[in-house]
Amino acid sequence: MGGAGTIMVDEMRACSGVYYCHMAIDSADLESLHEFAARLGLRREWFKADSVPHYTLNRGQRQKAKKLGAQYVPYREMFTMAREAQKR
């Protein structure tokens, strides 16, 4: 992760029978997030640069992210931390 921040994943949720979660970083160093995402096989164009920059992961990608060091942080807390990091 480059020591630039903590990669975070939230809990799995379902929407129309599709399970997913979010992956974000608690620092303004989005390059570290992109590098971590690449290790999961994610393409940069899948990055969502909205009010809370993040990637959306499926169950297998989330499991791999956790094995590679991503930390579980509940949804609301994760998005608050990620949003605040972008303001710094």
PDB file of N, CA and C in Angstrom:
ATOM      1  N   MET A   1       0.819  -1.196   0.000  1.00  0.00           N
ATOM      2  CA  MET A   1       0.000   0.000   0.000  1.00  0.00           C
ATOM      3  C   MET A   1       0.856   1.250   0.000  1.00  0.00           C
ATOM      4  N   GLY A   2       2.140   1.097   0.103  1.00  0.00           N
ATOM      5  CA  GLY A   2       2.988   2.248   0.026  1.00  0.00           C
ATOM      6  C   GLY A   2       3.050   3.068   1.289  1.00  0.00           C
ATOM      7  N   GLY A   3       2.354   2.650   2.359  1.00  0.00           N
ATOM      8  CA  GLY A   3       2.388   3.378   3.616  1.00  0.00           C
ATOM      9  C   GLY A   3       1.674   4.712   3.568  1.00  0.00           C
ATOM     10  N   ALA A   4       0.992   5.016   2.474  1.00  0.00           N
ATOM     11  CA  ALA A   4       0.366   6.316   2.307  1.00  0.00           C
ATOM     12  C   ALA A   4      -1.009   6.403   2.944  1.00  0.00           C
ATOM     13  N   GLY A   5      -1.566   5.309   3.332  1.00  0.00           N
ATOM     14  CA  GLY A   5      -2.899   5.298   3.912  1.00  0.00           C
ATOM     15  C   GLY A   5      -3.365   3.875   4.093  1.00  0.00           C
ATOM     16  N   THR A   6      -4.507   3.729   4.704  1.00  0.00           N
ATOM     17  CA  THR A   6      -5.083   2.412   4.920  1.00  0.00           C
ATOM     18  C   THR A   6      -6.151   2.150   3.875  1.00  0.00           C
ATOM     19  N   ILE A   7      -6.042   1.023   3.208  1.00  0.00           N
ATOM     20  CA  ILE A   7      -7.079   0.598   2.271  1.00  0.00           C
ATOM     21  C   ILE A   7      -8.196  -0.012   3.112  1.00  0.00           C
ATOM     22  N   MET A   8      -9.414   0.423   2.846  1.00  0.00           N
ATOM     23  CA  MET A   8     -10.566   0.001   3.641  1.00  0.00           C
ATOM     24  C   MET A   8     -11.613  -0.655   2.748  1.00  0.00           C
ATOM     25  N   VAL A   9     -12.292  -1.674   3.293  1.00  0.00           N
ATOM     26  CA  VAL A   9     -13.449  -2.283   2.640  1.00  0.00           C
ATOM     27  C   VAL A   9     -14.589  -2.297   3.642  1.00  0.00           C
ATOM     28  N   ASP A  10     -15.799  -2.098   3.156  1.00  0.00           N
ATOM     29  CA  ASP A  10     -16.956  -2.152   4.045  1.00  0.00           C
ATOM     30  C   ASP A  10     -17.643  -3.507   3.918  1.00  0.00           C
ATOM     31  N   GLU A  11     -18.811  -3.632   4.518  1.00  0.00           N
ATOM     32  CA  GLU A  11     -19.534  -4.901   4.521  1.00  0.00           C
ATOM     33  C   GLU A  11     -20.183  -5.158   3.163  1.00  0.00           C
ATOM     34  N   MET A  12     -20.403  -6.434   2.881  1.00  0.00           N
ATOM     35  CA  MET A  12     -21.108  -6.819   1.659  1.00  0.00           C
ATOM     36  C   MET A  12     -22.572  -6.412   1.807  1.00  0.00           C
ATOM     37  N   ARG A  13     -23.175  -6.035   0.690  1.00  0.00           N
ATOM     38  CA  ARG A  13     -24.595  -5.694   0.669  1.00  0.00           C
ATOM     39  C   ARG A  13     -25.167  -6.209  -0.647  1.00  0.00           C
ATOM     40  N   ALA A  14     -26.462  -6.328  -0.700  1.00  0.00           N
ATOM     41  CA  ALA A  14     -27.106  -6.834  -1.912  1.00  0.00           C
ATOM     42  C   ALA A  14     -27.978  -5.764  -2.536  1.00  0.00           C
ATOM     43  N   CYS A  15     -27.971  -5.752  -3.848  1.00  0.00           N
ATOM     44  CA  CYS A  15     -28.855  -4.876  -4.613  1.00  0.00           C
ATOM     45  C   CYS A  15     -29.335  -5.706  -5.800  1.00  0.00           C
ATOM     46  N   SER A  16     -30.623  -5.964  -5.851  1.00  0.00           N
ATOM     47  CA  SER A  16     -31.213  -6.781  -6.919  1.00  0.00           C
ATOM     48  C   SER A  16     -30.514  -8.133  -7.044  1.00  0.00           C
ATOM     49  N   GLY A  17     -30.142  -8.708  -5.898  1.00  0.00           N
ATOM     50  CA  GLY A  17     -29.531 -10.028  -5.876  1.00  0.00           C
ATOM     51  C   GLY A  17     -28.041 -10.052  -6.172  1.00  0.00           C
ATOM     52  N   VAL A  18     -27.442  -8.887  -6.406  1.00  0.00           N
ATOM     53  CA  VAL A  18     -26.005  -8.789  -6.665  1.00  0.00           C
ATOM     54  C   VAL A  18     -25.320  -8.283  -5.401  1.00  0.00           C
ATOM     55  N   TYR A  19     -24.310  -9.033  -4.953  1.00  0.00           N
ATOM     56  CA  TYR A  19     -23.597  -8.648  -3.736  1.00  0.00           C
ATOM     57  C   TYR A  19     -22.338  -7.869  -4.088  1.00  0.00           C
ATOM     58  N   TYR A  20     -22.100  -6.803  -3.322  1.00  0.00           N
ATOM     59  CA  TYR A  20     -20.938  -5.960  -3.566  1.00  0.00           C
ATOM     60  C   TYR A  20     -20.546  -5.239  -2.276  1.00  0.00           C
ATOM     61  N   CYS A  21     -19.359  -4.636  -2.290  1.00  0.00           N
ATOM     62  CA  CYS A  21     -18.921  -3.748  -1.214  1.00  0.00           C
ATOM     63  C   CYS A  21     -18.088  -2.645  -1.855  1.00  0.00           C
ATOM     64  N   HIS A  22     -17.610  -1.728  -1.024  1.00  0.00           N
ATOM     65  CA  HIS A  22     -16.801  -0.618  -1.498  1.00  0.00           C
ATOM     66  C   HIS A  22     -15.379  -0.741  -0.973  1.00  0.00           C
ATOM     67  N   MET A  23     -14.431  -0.182  -1.719  1.00  0.00           N
ATOM     68  CA  MET A  23     -13.045  -0.111  -1.272  1.00  0.00           C
ATOM     69  C   MET A  23     -12.578   1.333  -1.450  1.00  0.00           C
ATOM     70  N   ALA A  24     -12.033   1.913  -0.388  1.00  0.00           N
ATOM     71  CA  ALA A  24     -11.572   3.296  -0.407  1.00  0.00           C
ATOM     72  C   ALA A  24     -10.279   3.388   0.394  1.00  0.00           C
ATOM     73  N   ILE A  25      -9.726   4.594   0.489  1.00  0.00           N
ATOM     74  CA  ILE A  25      -8.491   4.823   1.242  1.00  0.00           C
ATOM     75  C   ILE A  25      -8.719   5.995   2.195  1.00  0.00           C
ATOM     76  N   ASP A  26      -8.046   5.943   3.352  1.00  0.00           N
ATOM     77  CA  ASP A  26      -8.222   6.992   4.358  1.00  0.00           C
ATOM     78  C   ASP A  26      -7.190   8.113   4.227  1.00  0.00           C
ATOM     79  N   SER A  27      -6.656   8.294   3.023  1.00  0.00           N
ATOM     80  CA  SER A  27      -5.735   9.404   2.777  1.00  0.00           C
ATOM     81  C   SER A  27      -6.070  10.006   1.416  1.00  0.00           C
ATOM     82  N   ALA A  28      -5.423  11.109   1.092  1.00  0.00           N
ATOM     83  CA  ALA A  28      -5.654  11.754  -0.200  1.00  0.00           C
ATOM     84  C   ALA A  28      -4.830  11.118  -1.312  1.00  0.00           C
ATOM     85  N   ASP A  29      -4.038  10.094  -0.990  1.00  0.00           N
ATOM     86  CA  ASP A  29      -3.165   9.447  -1.970  1.00  0.00           C
ATOM     87  C   ASP A  29      -3.938   8.407  -2.779  1.00  0.00           C
ATOM     88  N   LEU A  30      -4.668   8.874  -3.764  1.00  0.00           N
ATOM     89  CA  LEU A  30      -5.478   7.968  -4.579  1.00  0.00           C
ATOM     90  C   LEU A  30      -4.620   7.031  -5.413  1.00  0.00           C
ATOM     91  N   GLU A  31      -3.378   7.411  -5.697  1.00  0.00           N
ATOM     92  CA  GLU A  31      -2.502   6.531  -6.470  1.00  0.00           C
ATOM     93  C   GLU A  31      -2.289   5.209  -5.731  1.00  0.00           C
ATOM     94  N   SER A  32      -2.176   5.254  -4.399  1.00  0.00           N
ATOM     95  CA  SER A  32      -2.029   4.020  -3.614  1.00  0.00           C
ATOM     96  C   SER A  32      -3.280   3.148  -3.746  1.00  0.00           C
ATOM     97  N   LEU A  33      -4.434   3.773  -3.773  1.00  0.00           N
ATOM     98  CA  LEU A  33      -5.684   3.027  -3.963  1.00  0.00           C
ATOM     99  C   LEU A  33      -5.697   2.379  -5.344  1.00  0.00           C
ATOM    100  N   HIS A  34      -5.284   3.117  -6.365  1.00  0.00           N
ATOM    101  CA  HIS A  34      -5.249   2.565  -7.724  1.00  0.00           C
ATOM    102  C   HIS A  34      -4.262   1.392  -7.817  1.00  0.00           C
ATOM    103  N   GLU A  35      -3.114   1.527  -7.182  1.00  0.00           N
ATOM    104  CA  GLU A  35      -2.121   0.451  -7.204  1.00  0.00           C
ATOM    105  C   GLU A  35      -2.665  -0.804  -6.517  1.00  0.00           C
ATOM    106  N   PHE A  36      -3.337  -0.620  -5.392  1.00  0.00           N
ATOM    107  CA  PHE A  36      -3.923  -1.750  -4.675  1.00  0.00           C
ATOM    108  C   PHE A  36      -5.003  -2.400  -5.543  1.00  0.00           C
ATOM    109  N   ALA A  37      -5.836  -1.576  -6.170  1.00  0.00           N
ATOM    110  CA  ALA A  37      -6.895  -2.089  -7.039  1.00  0.00           C
ATOM    111  C   ALA A  37      -6.304  -2.905  -8.185  1.00  0.00           C
ATOM    112  N   ALA A  38      -5.199  -2.454  -8.733  1.00  0.00           N
ATOM    113  CA  ALA A  38      -4.551  -3.189  -9.826  1.00  0.00           C
ATOM    114  C   ALA A  38      -4.104  -4.566  -9.351  1.00  0.00           C
ATOM    115  N   ARG A  39      -3.671  -4.670  -8.107  1.00  0.00           N
ATOM    116  CA  ARG A  39      -3.270  -5.969  -7.546  1.00  0.00           C
ATOM    117  C   ARG A  39      -4.467  -6.919  -7.452  1.00  0.00           C
ATOM    118  N   LEU A  40      -5.660  -6.372  -7.412  1.00  0.00           N
ATOM    119  CA  LEU A  40      -6.881  -7.183  -7.371  1.00  0.00           C
ATOM    120  C   LEU A  40      -7.397  -7.496  -8.782  1.00  0.00           C
ATOM    121  N   GLY A  41      -6.745  -6.938  -9.785  1.00  0.00           N
ATOM    122  CA  GLY A  41      -7.185  -7.147 -11.157  1.00  0.00           C
ATOM    123  C   GLY A  41      -8.248  -6.153 -11.609  1.00  0.00           C
ATOM    124  N   LEU A  42      -8.416  -5.068 -10.856  1.00  0.00           N
ATOM    125  CA  LEU A  42      -9.410  -4.063 -11.226  1.00  0.00           C
ATOM    126  C   LEU A  42      -8.818  -3.080 -12.230  1.00  0.00           C
ATOM    127  N   ARG A  43      -9.651  -2.618 -13.129  1.00  0.00           N
ATOM    128  CA  ARG A  43      -9.212  -1.631 -14.117  1.00  0.00           C
ATOM    129  C   ARG A  43      -9.476  -0.226 -13.581  1.00  0.00           C
ATOM    130  N   ARG A  44      -8.590   0.672 -13.913  1.00  0.00           N
ATOM    131  CA  ARG A  44      -8.697   2.044 -13.414  1.00  0.00           C
ATOM    132  C   ARG A  44     -10.010   2.713 -13.844  1.00  0.00           C
ATOM    133  N   GLU A  45     -10.519   2.340 -15.008  1.00  0.00           N
ATOM    134  CA  GLU A  45     -11.762   2.971 -15.465  1.00  0.00           C
ATOM    135  C   GLU A  45     -12.972   2.553 -14.616  1.00  0.00           C
ATOM    136  N   TRP A  46     -12.815   1.562 -13.763  1.00  0.00           N
ATOM    137  CA  TRP A  46     -13.892   1.159 -12.860  1.00  0.00           C
ATOM    138  C   TRP A  46     -13.926   2.027 -11.600  1.00  0.00           C
ATOM    139  N   PHE A  47     -12.926   2.860 -11.420  1.00  0.00           N
ATOM    140  CA  PHE A  47     -12.848   3.770 -10.271  1.00  0.00           C
ATOM    141  C   PHE A  47     -13.989   4.780 -10.329  1.00  0.00           C
ATOM    142  N   LYS A  48     -14.603   5.012  -9.193  1.00  0.00           N
ATOM    143  CA  LYS A  48     -15.688   5.988  -9.107  1.00  0.00           C
ATOM    144  C   LYS A  48     -15.153   7.216  -8.365  1.00  0.00           C
ATOM    145  N   ALA A  49     -15.026   8.313  -9.092  1.00  0.00           N
ATOM    146  CA  ALA A  49     -14.419   9.526  -8.539  1.00  0.00           C
ATOM    147  C   ALA A  49     -15.484  10.520  -8.102  1.00  0.00           C
ATOM    148  N   ASP A  50     -16.549  10.014  -7.497  1.00  0.00           N
ATOM    149  CA  ASP A  50     -17.606  10.918  -7.057  1.00  0.00           C
ATOM    150  C   ASP A  50     -17.240  11.540  -5.710  1.00  0.00           C
ATOM    151  N   SER A  51     -18.207  11.901  -4.904  1.00  0.00           N
ATOM    152  CA  SER A  51     -17.928  12.583  -3.632  1.00  0.00           C
ATOM    153  C   SER A  51     -17.047  11.758  -2.699  1.00  0.00           C
ATOM    154  N   VAL A  52     -17.101  10.444  -2.830  1.00  0.00           N
ATOM    155  CA  VAL A  52     -16.217   9.554  -2.071  1.00  0.00           C
ATOM    156  C   VAL A  52     -15.537   8.626  -3.080  1.00  0.00           C
ATOM    157  N   PRO A  53     -14.295   8.923  -3.440  1.00  0.00           N
ATOM    158  CA  PRO A  53     -13.585   8.092  -4.419  1.00  0.00           C
ATOM    159  C   PRO A  53     -13.479   6.644  -3.941  1.00  0.00           C
ATOM    160  N   HIS A  54     -13.888   5.699  -4.801  1.00  0.00           N
ATOM    161  CA  HIS A  54     -13.880   4.295  -4.387  1.00  0.00           C
ATOM    162  C   HIS A  54     -13.974   3.361  -5.588  1.00  0.00           C
ATOM    163  N   TYR A  55     -13.737   2.091  -5.304  1.00  0.00           N
ATOM    164  CA  TYR A  55     -13.984   1.000  -6.230  1.00  0.00           C
ATOM    165  C   TYR A  55     -15.099   0.154  -5.634  1.00  0.00           C
ATOM    166  N   THR A  56     -15.847  -0.521  -6.488  1.00  0.00           N
ATOM    167  CA  THR A  56     -16.856  -1.477  -6.052  1.00  0.00           C
ATOM    168  C   THR A  56     -16.283  -2.874  -6.269  1.00  0.00           C
ATOM    169  N   LEU A  57     -16.399  -3.723  -5.238  1.00  0.00           N
ATOM    170  CA  LEU A  57     -15.829  -5.072  -5.284  1.00  0.00           C
ATOM    171  C   LEU A  57     -16.907  -6.135  -5.161  1.00  0.00           C
ATOM    172  N   ASN A  58     -16.670  -7.276  -5.782  1.00  0.00           N
ATOM    173  CA  ASN A  58     -17.538  -8.429  -5.542  1.00  0.00           C
ATOM    174  C   ASN A  58     -16.965  -9.217  -4.355  1.00  0.00           C
ATOM    175  N   ARG A  59     -17.614 -10.282  -3.991  1.00  0.00           N
ATOM    176  CA  ARG A  59     -17.202 -11.052  -2.804  1.00  0.00           C
ATOM    177  C   ARG A  59     -15.759 -11.571  -2.921  1.00  0.00           C
ATOM    178  N   GLY A  60     -15.412 -12.139  -4.063  1.00  0.00           N
ATOM    179  CA  GLY A  60     -14.065 -12.677  -4.251  1.00  0.00           C
ATOM    180  C   GLY A  60     -13.000 -11.586  -4.194  1.00  0.00           C
ATOM    181  N   GLN A  61     -13.284 -10.449  -4.809  1.00  0.00           N
ATOM    182  CA  GLN A  61     -12.341  -9.333  -4.777  1.00  0.00           C
ATOM    183  C   GLN A  61     -12.169  -8.808  -3.351  1.00  0.00           C
ATOM    184  N   ARG A  62     -13.264  -8.777  -2.584  1.00  0.00           N
ATOM    185  CA  ARG A  62     -13.184  -8.323  -1.193  1.00  0.00           C
ATOM    186  C   ARG A  62     -12.316  -9.275  -0.374  1.00  0.00           C
ATOM    187  N   GLN A  63     -12.515 -10.565  -0.568  1.00  0.00           N
ATOM    188  CA  GLN A  63     -11.704 -11.551   0.162  1.00  0.00           C
ATOM    189  C   GLN A  63     -10.226 -11.383  -0.171  1.00  0.00           C
ATOM    190  N   LYS A  64      -9.915 -11.203  -1.442  1.00  0.00           N
ATOM    191  CA  LYS A  64      -8.523 -11.011  -1.853  1.00  0.00           C
ATOM    192  C   LYS A  64      -7.965  -9.717  -1.267  1.00  0.00           C
ATOM    193  N   ALA A  65      -8.771  -8.654  -1.272  1.00  0.00           N
ATOM    194  CA  ALA A  65      -8.331  -7.372  -0.709  1.00  0.00           C
ATOM    195  C   ALA A  65      -7.964  -7.528   0.764  1.00  0.00           C
ATOM    196  N   LYS A  66      -8.794  -8.254   1.510  1.00  0.00           N
ATOM    197  CA  LYS A  66      -8.506  -8.466   2.931  1.00  0.00           C
ATOM    198  C   LYS A  66      -7.232  -9.283   3.107  1.00  0.00           C
ATOM    199  N   LYS A  67      -7.019 -10.291   2.258  1.00  0.00           N
ATOM    200  CA  LYS A  67      -5.782 -11.087   2.338  1.00  0.00           C
ATOM    201  C   LYS A  67      -4.558 -10.228   2.055  1.00  0.00           C
ATOM    202  N   LEU A  68      -4.718  -9.215   1.195  1.00  0.00           N
ATOM    203  CA  LEU A  68      -3.607  -8.331   0.839  1.00  0.00           C
ATOM    204  C   LEU A  68      -3.434  -7.170   1.823  1.00  0.00           C
ATOM    205  N   GLY A  69      -4.294  -7.122   2.849  1.00  0.00           N
ATOM    206  CA  GLY A  69      -4.104  -6.115   3.891  1.00  0.00           C
ATOM    207  C   GLY A  69      -5.181  -5.070   4.063  1.00  0.00           C
ATOM    208  N   ALA A  70      -6.218  -5.086   3.244  1.00  0.00           N
ATOM    209  CA  ALA A  70      -7.306  -4.124   3.428  1.00  0.00           C
ATOM    210  C   ALA A  70      -7.978  -4.377   4.780  1.00  0.00           C
ATOM    211  N   GLN A  71      -8.403  -3.299   5.405  1.00  0.00           N
ATOM    212  CA  GLN A  71      -9.031  -3.383   6.720  1.00  0.00           C
ATOM    213  C   GLN A  71     -10.534  -3.171   6.595  1.00  0.00           C
ATOM    214  N   TYR A  72     -11.286  -3.971   7.357  1.00  0.00           N
ATOM    215  CA  TYR A  72     -12.742  -3.779   7.383  1.00  0.00           C
ATOM    216  C   TYR A  72     -13.070  -2.542   8.203  1.00  0.00           C
ATOM    217  N   VAL A  73     -13.872  -1.672   7.628  1.00  0.00           N
ATOM    218  CA  VAL A  73     -14.389  -0.490   8.327  1.00  0.00           C
ATOM    219  C   VAL A  73     -15.865  -0.390   7.939  1.00  0.00           C
ATOM    220  N   PRO A  74     -16.772  -0.249   8.903  1.00  0.00           N
ATOM    221  CA  PRO A  74     -18.193  -0.143   8.568  1.00  0.00           C
ATOM    222  C   PRO A  74     -18.463   0.984   7.562  1.00  0.00           C
ATOM    223  N   TYR A  75     -19.459   0.775   6.729  1.00  0.00           N
ATOM    224  CA  TYR A  75     -19.803   1.666   5.621  1.00  0.00           C
ATOM    225  C   TYR A  75     -19.770   3.147   5.973  1.00  0.00           C
ATOM    226  N   ARG A  76     -20.568   3.564   6.937  1.00  0.00           N
ATOM    227  CA  ARG A  76     -20.664   4.997   7.262  1.00  0.00           C
ATOM    228  C   ARG A  76     -19.327   5.568   7.723  1.00  0.00           C
ATOM    229  N   GLU A  77     -18.640   4.826   8.554  1.00  0.00           N
ATOM    230  CA  GLU A  77     -17.341   5.278   9.050  1.00  0.00           C
ATOM    231  C   GLU A  77     -16.326   5.364   7.908  1.00  0.00           C
ATOM    232  N   MET A  78     -16.315   4.360   7.038  1.00  0.00           N
ATOM    233  CA  MET A  78     -15.381   4.349   5.920  1.00  0.00           C
ATOM    234  C   MET A  78     -15.608   5.539   5.001  1.00  0.00           C
ATOM    235  N   PHE A  79     -16.855   5.804   4.651  1.00  0.00           N
ATOM    236  CA  PHE A  79     -17.130   6.906   3.734  1.00  0.00           C
ATOM    237  C   PHE A  79     -16.846   8.258   4.381  1.00  0.00           C
ATOM    238  N   THR A  80     -17.071   8.383   5.671  1.00  0.00           N
ATOM    239  CA  THR A  80     -16.717   9.627   6.368  1.00  0.00           C
ATOM    240  C   THR A  80     -15.207   9.827   6.338  1.00  0.00           C
ATOM    241  N   MET A  81     -14.452   8.778   6.646  1.00  0.00           N
ATOM    242  CA  MET A  81     -12.997   8.870   6.654  1.00  0.00           C
ATOM    243  C   MET A  81     -12.461   9.197   5.257  1.00  0.00           C
ATOM    244  N   ALA A  82     -12.967   8.526   4.244  1.00  0.00           N
ATOM    245  CA  ALA A  82     -12.499   8.748   2.873  1.00  0.00           C
ATOM    246  C   ALA A  82     -12.847  10.149   2.398  1.00  0.00           C
ATOM    247  N   ARG A  83     -14.040  10.621   2.719  1.00  0.00           N
ATOM    248  CA  ARG A  83     -14.473  11.968   2.314  1.00  0.00           C
ATOM    249  C   ARG A  83     -13.591  13.018   2.985  1.00  0.00           C
ATOM    250  N   GLU A  84     -13.344  12.861   4.271  1.00  0.00           N
ATOM    251  CA  GLU A  84     -12.497  13.807   5.007  1.00  0.00           C
ATOM    252  C   GLU A  84     -11.075  13.815   4.469  1.00  0.00           C
ATOM    253  N   ALA A  85     -10.555  12.653   4.082  1.00  0.00           N
ATOM    254  CA  ALA A  85      -9.191  12.558   3.555  1.00  0.00           C
ATOM    255  C   ALA A  85      -9.047  13.381   2.273  1.00  0.00           C
ATOM    256  N   GLN A  86     -10.080  13.431   1.463  1.00  0.00           N
ATOM    257  CA  GLN A  86     -10.003  14.174   0.211  1.00  0.00           C
ATOM    258  C   GLN A  86     -10.027  15.680   0.441  1.00  0.00           C
ATOM    259  N   LYS A  87     -10.458  16.120   1.606  1.00  0.00           N
ATOM    260  CA  LYS A  87     -10.489  17.537   1.939  1.00  0.00           C
ATOM    261  C   LYS A  87      -9.124  18.051   2.406  1.00  0.00           C
ATOM    262  N   ARG A  88      -8.239  17.120   2.780  1.00  0.00           N
ATOM    263  CA  ARG A  88      -6.919  17.523   3.309  1.00  0.00           C
ATOM    264  C   ARG A  88      -6.007  18.012   2.227  1.00  0.00           C
TER     265      ARG A  88
END
